[in-house]
Amino acid sequence: MYHRFEENKYPSTNIRMNDFLHHLKIIEENSIAFINPNNFEYELPNSKRKIGFKLLTHKDEMEINEILKSLEKAEKITGVSSEVTTRLKYQIASIDGNTEQKTIDNFVDNEFLAIDAREYRKYVQTITPDIDLTFNYTSGNGNTSQVGIPLGIDFFWPAAGE
């Protein structure tokens, strides 16, 4: 991936403009199509509806947190959390090919069956990049246990935990 042009100081990410233009010409001549790596589709097992969705980015998470913060007062009054539906509305990009936000909101609020929602969330979890922070430990007497790796600030800077 190139993100520097004509900056020879950074050879691993730099490219000369004439080389880049040549690469573009090769792509064009060979009709190479690119796919969006964050454009997924899933057919719901019960209703058979097709959901287009994306994986949430850090920016999405920050925006969702702001929305949830603004809804805290209503949540305290009603006792109903909007966290799951808010996340779904951000994540889902289309319902049966329809990309209108009004359609997506209505689907999430009124039509998304619990059995389909559960299977959808399981599927999303299987394709979401993550880090396994567990470790299989075998003690001196041969017993094996799985333990979580505590990855806090003191993991990187031990003195910071004091």
N, C-alpha and C. Protein backbone atom coordinates (compact mmCIF):
# COMPACT_ATOMS: atom_id res chain seq x y z
N MET A 1 0.85 -1.17 0.00
CA MET A 1 0.00 0.00 0.00
C MET A 1 0.90 1.23 0.00
N TYR A 2 0.58 2.15 -0.85
CA TYR A 2 1.37 3.37 -0.94
C TYR A 2 0.61 4.50 -0.24
N HIS A 3 1.32 5.25 0.53
CA HIS A 3 0.70 6.45 1.06
C HIS A 3 1.65 7.64 1.06
N ARG A 4 2.78 7.47 0.38
CA ARG A 4 3.71 8.58 0.19
C ARG A 4 4.13 8.58 -1.27
N PHE A 5 4.15 9.75 -1.84
CA PHE A 5 4.53 9.89 -3.24
C PHE A 5 5.75 10.80 -3.32
N GLU A 6 6.77 10.30 -4.01
CA GLU A 6 8.01 11.06 -4.23
C GLU A 6 8.69 11.48 -2.92
N GLU A 7 8.57 10.66 -1.88
CA GLU A 7 9.27 10.93 -0.62
C GLU A 7 10.26 9.79 -0.40
N ASN A 8 11.40 9.88 -1.03
CA ASN A 8 12.38 8.81 -1.02
C ASN A 8 12.96 8.53 0.37
N LYS A 9 12.70 9.42 1.30
CA LYS A 9 13.17 9.25 2.67
C LYS A 9 12.50 8.04 3.33
N TYR A 10 11.31 7.63 2.81
CA TYR A 10 10.55 6.52 3.37
C TYR A 10 10.36 5.44 2.30
N PRO A 11 11.38 4.64 2.03
CA PRO A 11 11.30 3.70 0.90
C PRO A 11 10.24 2.61 1.03
N SER A 12 9.86 2.21 2.24
CA SER A 12 8.91 1.10 2.36
C SER A 12 7.48 1.51 2.01
N THR A 13 7.16 2.78 2.09
CA THR A 13 5.79 3.22 1.77
C THR A 13 5.76 4.28 0.69
N ASN A 14 6.88 4.56 0.08
CA ASN A 14 6.99 5.58 -0.94
C ASN A 14 6.91 4.96 -2.33
N ILE A 15 6.40 5.74 -3.28
CA ILE A 15 6.41 5.33 -4.67
C ILE A 15 6.63 6.57 -5.54
N ARG A 16 7.37 6.36 -6.62
CA ARG A 16 7.54 7.46 -7.58
C ARG A 16 6.25 7.60 -8.37
N MET A 17 5.89 8.82 -8.69
CA MET A 17 4.61 9.09 -9.35
C MET A 17 4.49 8.37 -10.69
N ASN A 18 5.55 8.32 -11.46
CA ASN A 18 5.45 7.63 -12.76
C ASN A 18 5.21 6.12 -12.58
N ASP A 19 5.77 5.52 -11.53
CA ASP A 19 5.50 4.10 -11.24
C ASP A 19 4.05 3.90 -10.82
N PHE A 20 3.55 4.81 -9.99
CA PHE A 20 2.17 4.73 -9.52
C PHE A 20 1.20 4.84 -10.70
N LEU A 21 1.46 5.79 -11.59
CA LEU A 21 0.59 5.96 -12.76
C LEU A 21 0.63 4.71 -13.65
N HIS A 22 1.80 4.09 -13.74
CA HIS A 22 1.93 2.85 -14.50
C HIS A 22 1.10 1.74 -13.86
N HIS A 23 1.12 1.64 -12.53
CA HIS A 23 0.31 0.64 -11.82
C HIS A 23 -1.18 0.87 -12.07
N LEU A 24 -1.59 2.13 -12.03
CA LEU A 24 -3.00 2.45 -12.30
C LEU A 24 -3.40 2.05 -13.72
N LYS A 25 -2.49 2.25 -14.65
CA LYS A 25 -2.76 1.88 -16.04
C LYS A 25 -2.95 0.36 -16.17
N ILE A 26 -2.11 -0.41 -15.49
CA ILE A 26 -2.23 -1.87 -15.50
C ILE A 26 -3.57 -2.29 -14.91
N ILE A 27 -3.97 -1.68 -13.82
CA ILE A 27 -5.25 -1.99 -13.19
C ILE A 27 -6.40 -1.70 -14.15
N GLU A 28 -6.34 -0.55 -14.79
CA GLU A 28 -7.39 -0.14 -15.73
C GLU A 28 -7.44 -1.07 -16.95
N GLU A 29 -6.30 -1.36 -17.54
CA GLU A 29 -6.25 -2.20 -18.74
C GLU A 29 -6.75 -3.62 -18.48
N ASN A 30 -6.56 -4.11 -17.27
CA ASN A 30 -6.97 -5.47 -16.94
C ASN A 30 -8.32 -5.54 -16.23
N SER A 31 -8.98 -4.40 -16.17
CA SER A 31 -10.31 -4.31 -15.53
C SER A 31 -10.34 -4.97 -14.16
N ILE A 32 -9.33 -4.67 -13.37
CA ILE A 32 -9.25 -5.25 -12.02
C ILE A 32 -10.24 -4.51 -11.13
N ALA A 33 -11.12 -5.28 -10.50
CA ALA A 33 -12.12 -4.70 -9.61
C ALA A 33 -11.67 -4.88 -8.17
N PHE A 34 -11.94 -3.89 -7.36
CA PHE A 34 -11.59 -3.94 -5.95
C PHE A 34 -12.87 -4.12 -5.14
N ILE A 35 -12.76 -4.88 -4.09
CA ILE A 35 -13.92 -5.06 -3.22
C ILE A 35 -13.72 -4.22 -1.97
N ASN A 36 -14.81 -3.84 -1.36
CA ASN A 36 -14.74 -3.11 -0.11
C ASN A 36 -14.55 -4.13 1.00
N PRO A 37 -13.44 -4.07 1.73
CA PRO A 37 -13.19 -5.08 2.76
C PRO A 37 -14.10 -4.92 3.98
N ASN A 38 -14.95 -3.91 3.98
CA ASN A 38 -15.85 -3.73 5.10
C ASN A 38 -17.30 -3.66 4.61
N ASN A 39 -17.62 -4.50 3.65
CA ASN A 39 -18.97 -4.55 3.11
C ASN A 39 -19.39 -6.02 3.10
N PHE A 40 -20.15 -6.41 4.11
CA PHE A 40 -20.51 -7.81 4.29
C PHE A 40 -22.01 -8.01 4.06
N GLU A 41 -22.38 -9.24 3.79
CA GLU A 41 -23.79 -9.57 3.64
C GLU A 41 -24.08 -10.86 4.41
N TYR A 42 -25.27 -10.92 5.00
CA TYR A 42 -25.67 -12.09 5.77
C TYR A 42 -27.16 -12.32 5.56
N GLU A 43 -27.51 -13.56 5.25
CA GLU A 43 -28.92 -13.92 5.13
C GLU A 43 -29.39 -14.44 6.48
N LEU A 44 -30.43 -13.82 7.00
CA LEU A 44 -30.97 -14.21 8.29
C LEU A 44 -31.58 -15.60 8.19
N PRO A 45 -31.28 -16.49 9.13
CA PRO A 45 -31.71 -17.89 9.01
C PRO A 45 -33.22 -18.11 9.10
N ASN A 46 -33.92 -17.28 9.84
CA ASN A 46 -35.35 -17.50 10.02
C ASN A 46 -36.18 -16.74 8.99
N SER A 47 -35.99 -15.43 8.90
CA SER A 47 -36.81 -14.61 8.00
C SER A 47 -36.30 -14.61 6.56
N LYS A 48 -35.06 -15.06 6.36
CA LYS A 48 -34.41 -15.12 5.03
C LYS A 48 -34.16 -13.75 4.43
N ARG A 49 -34.21 -12.71 5.23
CA ARG A 49 -33.91 -11.36 4.74
C ARG A 49 -32.41 -11.20 4.67
N LYS A 50 -31.95 -10.36 3.74
CA LYS A 50 -30.52 -10.14 3.56
C LYS A 50 -30.11 -8.80 4.17
N ILE A 51 -29.11 -8.89 5.04
CA ILE A 51 -28.59 -7.70 5.70
C ILE A 51 -27.21 -7.39 5.15
N GLY A 52 -27.02 -6.16 4.69
CA GLY A 52 -25.70 -5.66 4.34
C GLY A 52 -25.19 -4.93 5.57
N PHE A 53 -23.94 -5.15 5.93
CA PHE A 53 -23.43 -4.51 7.14
C PHE A 53 -21.93 -4.27 7.06
N LYS A 54 -21.47 -3.49 7.99
CA LYS A 54 -20.04 -3.21 8.13
C LYS A 54 -19.62 -3.52 9.55
N LEU A 55 -18.34 -3.69 9.75
CA LEU A 55 -17.80 -3.81 11.09
C LEU A 55 -17.59 -2.40 11.62
N LEU A 56 -17.90 -2.19 12.87
CA LEU A 56 -17.80 -0.85 13.44
C LEU A 56 -16.34 -0.43 13.59
N THR A 57 -16.09 0.83 13.27
CA THR A 57 -14.75 1.40 13.41
C THR A 57 -14.67 2.14 14.74
N HIS A 58 -13.48 2.58 15.07
CA HIS A 58 -13.30 3.37 16.29
C HIS A 58 -14.15 4.64 16.22
N LYS A 59 -14.19 5.26 15.05
CA LYS A 59 -15.01 6.47 14.86
C LYS A 59 -16.48 6.15 15.13
N ASP A 60 -16.96 5.03 14.59
CA ASP A 60 -18.35 4.62 14.85
C ASP A 60 -18.59 4.45 16.34
N GLU A 61 -17.67 3.78 17.01
CA GLU A 61 -17.81 3.53 18.45
C GLU A 61 -17.88 4.84 19.22
N MET A 62 -17.07 5.81 18.84
CA MET A 62 -17.08 7.11 19.51
C MET A 62 -18.43 7.81 19.29
N GLU A 63 -18.95 7.77 18.07
CA GLU A 63 -20.24 8.39 17.77
C GLU A 63 -21.37 7.69 18.53
N ILE A 64 -21.31 6.37 18.58
CA ILE A 64 -22.33 5.60 19.32
C ILE A 64 -22.29 5.97 20.80
N ASN A 65 -21.10 6.08 21.36
CA ASN A 65 -20.97 6.45 22.77
C ASN A 65 -21.56 7.82 23.05
N GLU A 66 -21.39 8.75 22.12
CA GLU A 66 -21.98 10.09 22.28
C GLU A 66 -23.51 10.01 22.27
N ILE A 67 -24.05 9.22 21.35
CA ILE A 67 -25.51 9.05 21.29
C ILE A 67 -26.03 8.41 22.57
N LEU A 68 -25.35 7.36 23.01
CA LEU A 68 -25.77 6.67 24.24
C LEU A 68 -25.69 7.59 25.46
N LYS A 69 -24.69 8.45 25.47
CA LYS A 69 -24.56 9.40 26.57
C LYS A 69 -25.75 10.34 26.58
N SER A 70 -26.19 10.77 25.40
CA SER A 70 -27.33 11.69 25.33
C SER A 70 -28.65 10.99 25.69
N LEU A 71 -28.67 9.66 25.61
CA LEU A 71 -29.89 8.91 25.94
C LEU A 71 -29.94 8.41 27.38
N GLU A 72 -28.89 8.69 28.16
CA GLU A 72 -28.82 8.20 29.54
C GLU A 72 -30.02 8.63 30.37
N LYS A 73 -30.45 9.88 30.22
CA LYS A 73 -31.56 10.39 31.02
C LYS A 73 -32.84 9.60 30.72
N ALA A 74 -33.11 9.38 29.45
CA ALA A 74 -34.31 8.61 29.07
C ALA A 74 -34.21 7.18 29.58
N GLU A 75 -33.00 6.62 29.54
CA GLU A 75 -32.80 5.24 30.02
C GLU A 75 -33.09 5.13 31.51
N LYS A 76 -32.68 6.14 32.28
CA LYS A 76 -32.94 6.14 33.72
C LYS A 76 -34.43 6.21 34.01
N ILE A 77 -35.16 6.96 33.20
CA ILE A 77 -36.61 7.12 33.40
C ILE A 77 -37.36 5.85 33.00
N THR A 78 -37.01 5.31 31.82
CA THR A 78 -37.75 4.17 31.29
C THR A 78 -37.18 2.82 31.71
N GLY A 79 -35.90 2.79 32.03
CA GLY A 79 -35.26 1.52 32.34
C GLY A 79 -34.93 0.70 31.10
N VAL A 80 -35.07 1.31 29.94
CA VAL A 80 -34.82 0.63 28.66
C VAL A 80 -33.54 1.18 28.05
N SER A 81 -32.60 0.28 27.76
CA SER A 81 -31.34 0.69 27.13
C SER A 81 -31.47 0.64 25.61
N SER A 82 -30.89 1.63 24.96
CA SER A 82 -30.90 1.69 23.49
C SER A 82 -29.57 1.26 22.89
N GLU A 83 -28.70 0.69 23.72
CA GLU A 83 -27.34 0.39 23.25
C GLU A 83 -27.32 -0.59 22.08
N VAL A 84 -28.02 -1.71 22.21
CA VAL A 84 -27.98 -2.73 21.16
C VAL A 84 -28.58 -2.20 19.87
N THR A 85 -29.74 -1.56 19.96
CA THR A 85 -30.39 -1.07 18.73
C THR A 85 -29.58 0.05 18.09
N THR A 86 -28.96 0.89 18.90
CA THR A 86 -28.13 1.97 18.35
C THR A 86 -26.95 1.38 17.59
N ARG A 87 -26.30 0.37 18.17
CA ARG A 87 -25.16 -0.28 17.50
C ARG A 87 -25.61 -0.95 16.20
N LEU A 88 -26.75 -1.63 16.24
CA LEU A 88 -27.25 -2.29 15.02
C LEU A 88 -27.54 -1.27 13.92
N LYS A 89 -28.13 -0.14 14.28
CA LYS A 89 -28.45 0.90 13.29
C LYS A 89 -27.20 1.48 12.66
N TYR A 90 -26.11 1.53 13.41
CA TYR A 90 -24.83 2.00 12.86
C TYR A 90 -24.19 0.93 11.99
N GLN A 91 -24.34 -0.31 12.38
CA GLN A 91 -23.65 -1.41 11.70
C GLN A 91 -24.34 -1.83 10.41
N ILE A 92 -25.66 -1.85 10.42
CA ILE A 92 -26.40 -2.33 9.25
C ILE A 92 -26.44 -1.25 8.18
N ALA A 93 -26.08 -1.62 6.96
CA ALA A 93 -26.03 -0.68 5.85
C ALA A 93 -27.20 -0.85 4.89
N SER A 94 -27.82 -2.04 4.90
CA SER A 94 -28.96 -2.26 4.01
C SER A 94 -29.79 -3.44 4.49
N ILE A 95 -31.07 -3.40 4.11
CA ILE A 95 -32.00 -4.49 4.37
C ILE A 95 -32.57 -4.88 3.02
N ASP A 96 -32.30 -6.10 2.58
CA ASP A 96 -32.76 -6.57 1.27
C ASP A 96 -32.42 -5.57 0.16
N GLY A 97 -31.23 -4.98 0.26
CA GLY A 97 -30.75 -4.05 -0.77
C GLY A 97 -31.18 -2.61 -0.56
N ASN A 98 -32.08 -2.35 0.36
CA ASN A 98 -32.56 -0.98 0.61
C ASN A 98 -31.62 -0.31 1.61
N THR A 99 -31.01 0.81 1.22
CA THR A 99 -30.03 1.48 2.06
C THR A 99 -30.58 2.70 2.80
N GLU A 100 -31.87 2.96 2.70
CA GLU A 100 -32.45 4.12 3.39
C GLU A 100 -32.39 3.91 4.90
N GLN A 101 -31.89 4.91 5.60
CA GLN A 101 -31.75 4.80 7.06
C GLN A 101 -33.10 4.59 7.72
N LYS A 102 -34.14 5.18 7.18
CA LYS A 102 -35.49 5.02 7.73
C LYS A 102 -35.91 3.54 7.70
N THR A 103 -35.60 2.86 6.61
CA THR A 103 -35.92 1.43 6.48
C THR A 103 -35.12 0.61 7.49
N ILE A 104 -33.84 0.93 7.61
CA ILE A 104 -32.97 0.21 8.55
C ILE A 104 -33.46 0.41 9.98
N ASP A 105 -33.76 1.66 10.33
CA ASP A 105 -34.24 1.96 11.69
C ASP A 105 -35.53 1.20 11.99
N ASN A 106 -36.46 1.20 11.03
CA ASN A 106 -37.74 0.50 11.22
C ASN A 106 -37.50 -1.00 11.38
N PHE A 107 -36.61 -1.55 10.58
CA PHE A 107 -36.30 -2.97 10.67
C PHE A 107 -35.76 -3.31 12.06
N VAL A 108 -34.77 -2.54 12.51
CA VAL A 108 -34.14 -2.81 13.82
C VAL A 108 -35.16 -2.66 14.95
N ASP A 109 -35.98 -1.63 14.86
CA ASP A 109 -36.93 -1.35 15.95
C ASP A 109 -38.15 -2.27 15.95
N ASN A 110 -38.59 -2.73 14.77
CA ASN A 110 -39.88 -3.41 14.70
C ASN A 110 -39.90 -4.79 14.05
N GLU A 111 -38.89 -5.12 13.25
CA GLU A 111 -38.98 -6.35 12.46
C GLU A 111 -37.88 -7.37 12.71
N PHE A 112 -36.83 -6.97 13.39
CA PHE A 112 -35.68 -7.86 13.59
C PHE A 112 -36.04 -8.90 14.66
N LEU A 113 -36.32 -10.11 14.21
CA LEU A 113 -36.71 -11.18 15.12
C LEU A 113 -35.54 -11.55 16.05
N ALA A 114 -35.86 -11.87 17.29
CA ALA A 114 -34.83 -12.18 18.28
C ALA A 114 -33.94 -13.34 17.83
N ILE A 115 -34.54 -14.36 17.24
CA ILE A 115 -33.75 -15.53 16.79
C ILE A 115 -32.78 -15.13 15.67
N ASP A 116 -33.24 -14.25 14.76
CA ASP A 116 -32.36 -13.77 13.69
C ASP A 116 -31.28 -12.85 14.25
N ALA A 117 -31.66 -11.98 15.19
CA ALA A 117 -30.70 -11.04 15.77
C ALA A 117 -29.58 -11.79 16.49
N ARG A 118 -29.94 -12.84 17.20
CA ARG A 118 -28.93 -13.63 17.93
C ARG A 118 -27.96 -14.28 16.95
N GLU A 119 -28.50 -14.89 15.88
CA GLU A 119 -27.64 -15.54 14.89
C GLU A 119 -26.77 -14.53 14.14
N TYR A 120 -27.34 -13.38 13.86
CA TYR A 120 -26.59 -12.30 13.20
C TYR A 120 -25.42 -11.87 14.07
N ARG A 121 -25.67 -11.63 15.35
CA ARG A 121 -24.60 -11.19 16.25
C ARG A 121 -23.52 -12.26 16.39
N LYS A 122 -23.92 -13.53 16.41
CA LYS A 122 -22.94 -14.62 16.46
C LYS A 122 -22.06 -14.60 15.21
N TYR A 123 -22.71 -14.41 14.05
CA TYR A 123 -21.96 -14.39 12.79
C TYR A 123 -20.97 -13.23 12.78
N VAL A 124 -21.43 -12.05 13.16
CA VAL A 124 -20.55 -10.88 13.18
C VAL A 124 -19.36 -11.14 14.10
N GLN A 125 -19.60 -11.78 15.22
CA GLN A 125 -18.51 -12.08 16.15
C GLN A 125 -17.47 -13.00 15.51
N THR A 126 -17.90 -13.92 14.65
CA THR A 126 -16.95 -14.85 14.04
C THR A 126 -16.06 -14.17 12.99
N ILE A 127 -16.51 -13.07 12.40
CA ILE A 127 -15.70 -12.41 11.36
C ILE A 127 -15.00 -11.15 11.85
N THR A 128 -15.26 -10.77 13.10
CA THR A 128 -14.64 -9.57 13.65
C THR A 128 -13.22 -9.88 14.10
N PRO A 129 -12.23 -9.13 13.60
CA PRO A 129 -10.86 -9.36 14.05
C PRO A 129 -10.74 -9.12 15.55
N ASP A 130 -9.99 -9.97 16.20
CA ASP A 130 -9.86 -9.86 17.65
C ASP A 130 -8.54 -10.50 18.07
N ILE A 131 -8.19 -10.28 19.30
CA ILE A 131 -6.97 -10.87 19.86
C ILE A 131 -7.38 -11.81 20.99
N ASP A 132 -6.88 -13.04 20.94
CA ASP A 132 -7.15 -14.01 21.99
C ASP A 132 -6.16 -13.77 23.13
N LEU A 133 -6.68 -13.28 24.25
CA LEU A 133 -5.83 -12.98 25.39
C LEU A 133 -5.92 -14.06 26.46
N THR A 134 -5.98 -15.32 26.01
CA THR A 134 -5.97 -16.42 26.96
C THR A 134 -4.69 -17.23 26.77
N PHE A 135 -4.32 -17.90 27.82
CA PHE A 135 -3.09 -18.68 27.81
C PHE A 135 -3.36 -20.01 28.52
N ASN A 136 -2.98 -21.11 27.90
CA ASN A 136 -3.10 -22.42 28.54
C ASN A 136 -1.86 -22.66 29.39
N TYR A 137 -2.09 -22.82 30.68
CA TYR A 137 -1.00 -22.96 31.64
C TYR A 137 -1.02 -24.36 32.23
N THR A 138 0.13 -25.01 32.22
CA THR A 138 0.25 -26.33 32.84
C THR A 138 1.10 -26.19 34.09
N SER A 139 0.50 -26.54 35.21
CA SER A 139 1.20 -26.40 36.49
C SER A 139 2.23 -27.52 36.65
N GLY A 140 3.01 -27.43 37.70
CA GLY A 140 4.04 -28.41 37.98
C GLY A 140 3.49 -29.81 38.20
N ASN A 141 2.24 -29.92 38.69
CA ASN A 141 1.65 -31.24 38.92
C ASN A 141 0.87 -31.76 37.70
N GLY A 142 0.96 -31.03 36.56
CA GLY A 142 0.35 -31.51 35.32
C GLY A 142 -1.06 -31.01 35.04
N ASN A 143 -1.64 -30.25 35.95
CA ASN A 143 -2.98 -29.70 35.71
C ASN A 143 -2.90 -28.54 34.72
N THR A 144 -3.82 -28.55 33.76
CA THR A 144 -3.85 -27.48 32.76
C THR A 144 -5.03 -26.56 33.04
N SER A 145 -4.76 -25.28 33.00
CA SER A 145 -5.79 -24.26 33.20
C SER A 145 -5.66 -23.20 32.13
N GLN A 146 -6.78 -22.57 31.82
CA GLN A 146 -6.76 -21.46 30.88
C GLN A 146 -6.89 -20.17 31.68
N VAL A 147 -5.95 -19.27 31.48
CA VAL A 147 -5.98 -18.00 32.22
C VAL A 147 -5.97 -16.85 31.23
N GLY A 148 -6.60 -15.75 31.65
CA GLY A 148 -6.59 -14.54 30.83
C GLY A 148 -5.32 -13.75 31.06
N ILE A 149 -4.82 -13.14 30.02
CA ILE A 149 -3.63 -12.31 30.15
C ILE A 149 -4.10 -10.91 30.51
N PRO A 150 -3.73 -10.40 31.69
CA PRO A 150 -4.17 -9.06 32.08
C PRO A 150 -3.40 -8.00 31.29
N LEU A 151 -4.07 -7.35 30.39
CA LEU A 151 -3.41 -6.40 29.49
C LEU A 151 -3.81 -4.99 29.88
N GLY A 152 -3.27 -4.53 31.00
CA GLY A 152 -3.53 -3.17 31.47
C GLY A 152 -2.30 -2.31 31.27
N ILE A 153 -2.34 -1.10 31.79
CA ILE A 153 -1.22 -0.17 31.63
C ILE A 153 0.06 -0.73 32.25
N ASP A 154 -0.08 -1.49 33.35
CA ASP A 154 1.11 -2.04 34.00
C ASP A 154 1.75 -3.19 33.22
N PHE A 155 1.04 -3.72 32.23
CA PHE A 155 1.63 -4.75 31.37
C PHE A 155 2.77 -4.14 30.54
N PHE A 156 2.53 -2.93 30.03
CA PHE A 156 3.52 -2.25 29.18
C PHE A 156 4.52 -1.44 30.01
N TRP A 157 4.04 -0.84 31.08
CA TRP A 157 4.88 -0.03 31.95
C TRP A 157 4.66 -0.49 33.38
N PRO A 158 5.40 -1.51 33.83
CA PRO A 158 5.17 -2.08 35.17
C PRO A 158 5.20 -1.06 36.29
N ALA A 159 6.02 -0.05 36.18
CA ALA A 159 6.13 0.96 37.24
C ALA A 159 4.86 1.81 37.32
N ALA A 160 4.08 1.88 36.26
CA ALA A 160 2.87 2.71 36.24
C ALA A 160 1.77 2.16 37.14
N GLY A 161 1.82 0.86 37.42
CA GLY A 161 0.80 0.24 38.26
C GLY A 161 1.02 0.46 39.74
N GLU A 162 2.14 1.05 40.11
CA GLU A 162 2.46 1.24 41.55
C GLU A 162 1.85 2.51 42.09
